[in-house]
Amino acid sequence: MRKSYSGEFKAKVVLEILKEEKTISQIASEYGIHPNQLLKWKKEAIRSLAEVLE
């Protein structure tokens, strides 16, 4: 069964990634999420940022 995460949760995790206080691996193990998934969320957030700011 696939886990689904809310947009609010994803945003919280991506902001933590962008702070660069911890590595992706540290954050992934903290939340029990695969590092590749976190990288996908980060890319998606950065790609969407321009649309949000217009």
Protein backbone atom coordinates (compact mmCIF):
# COMPACT_ATOMS: atom_id res chain seq x y z
CA MET A 1 0.00 0.00 0.00
CA ARG A 2 1.31 3.42 -0.96
CA LYS A 3 1.53 6.17 1.59
CA SER A 4 0.12 9.53 0.67
CA TYR A 5 1.33 12.76 2.21
CA SER A 6 -0.47 16.06 2.43
CA GLY A 7 0.81 19.11 0.63
CA GLU A 8 1.37 20.74 4.00
CA PHE A 9 3.61 17.87 5.13
CA LYS A 10 5.56 17.91 1.86
CA ALA A 11 6.07 21.67 2.15
CA LYS A 12 7.36 21.28 5.70
CA VAL A 13 9.87 18.64 4.61
CA VAL A 14 10.99 20.59 1.51
CA LEU A 15 11.57 23.71 3.60
CA GLU A 16 13.70 21.63 5.93
CA ILE A 17 15.69 20.38 2.91
CA LEU A 18 16.17 23.92 1.60
CA LYS A 19 17.53 25.11 4.97
CA GLU A 20 20.46 22.73 4.38
CA GLU A 21 20.98 22.19 8.11
CA LYS A 22 20.75 18.41 7.63
CA THR A 23 21.55 16.10 4.74
CA ILE A 24 18.84 14.56 2.58
CA SER A 25 19.72 11.19 4.13
CA GLN A 26 19.27 12.52 7.65
CA ILE A 27 15.88 14.02 6.83
CA ALA A 28 14.81 10.86 4.98
CA SER A 29 15.62 8.61 7.94
CA GLU A 30 13.97 11.07 10.34
CA TYR A 31 10.67 10.89 8.44
CA GLY A 32 10.97 7.32 7.13
CA ILE A 33 10.83 8.43 3.50
CA HIS A 34 13.21 7.33 0.73
CA PRO A 35 15.77 10.04 -0.18
CA ASN A 36 14.80 9.85 -3.87
CA GLN A 37 11.23 10.77 -2.95
CA LEU A 38 12.47 13.82 -1.07
CA LEU A 39 14.53 14.89 -4.07
CA LYS A 40 11.44 14.59 -6.29
CA TRP A 41 9.45 16.78 -3.88
CA LYS A 42 12.26 19.35 -3.83
CA LYS A 43 12.45 19.49 -7.65
CA GLU A 44 8.65 19.79 -7.89
CA ALA A 45 8.59 22.62 -5.34
CA ILE A 46 11.35 24.58 -7.08
CA ARG A 47 9.70 24.09 -10.48
CA SER A 48 6.35 25.33 -9.12
CA LEU A 49 7.82 28.31 -7.30
CA ALA A 50 7.83 30.62 -10.33
CA GLU A 51 4.11 29.98 -10.91
CA VAL A 52 3.27 30.74 -7.29
CA LEU A 53 5.16 34.03 -7.32
CA GLU A 54 3.50 35.44 -10.44
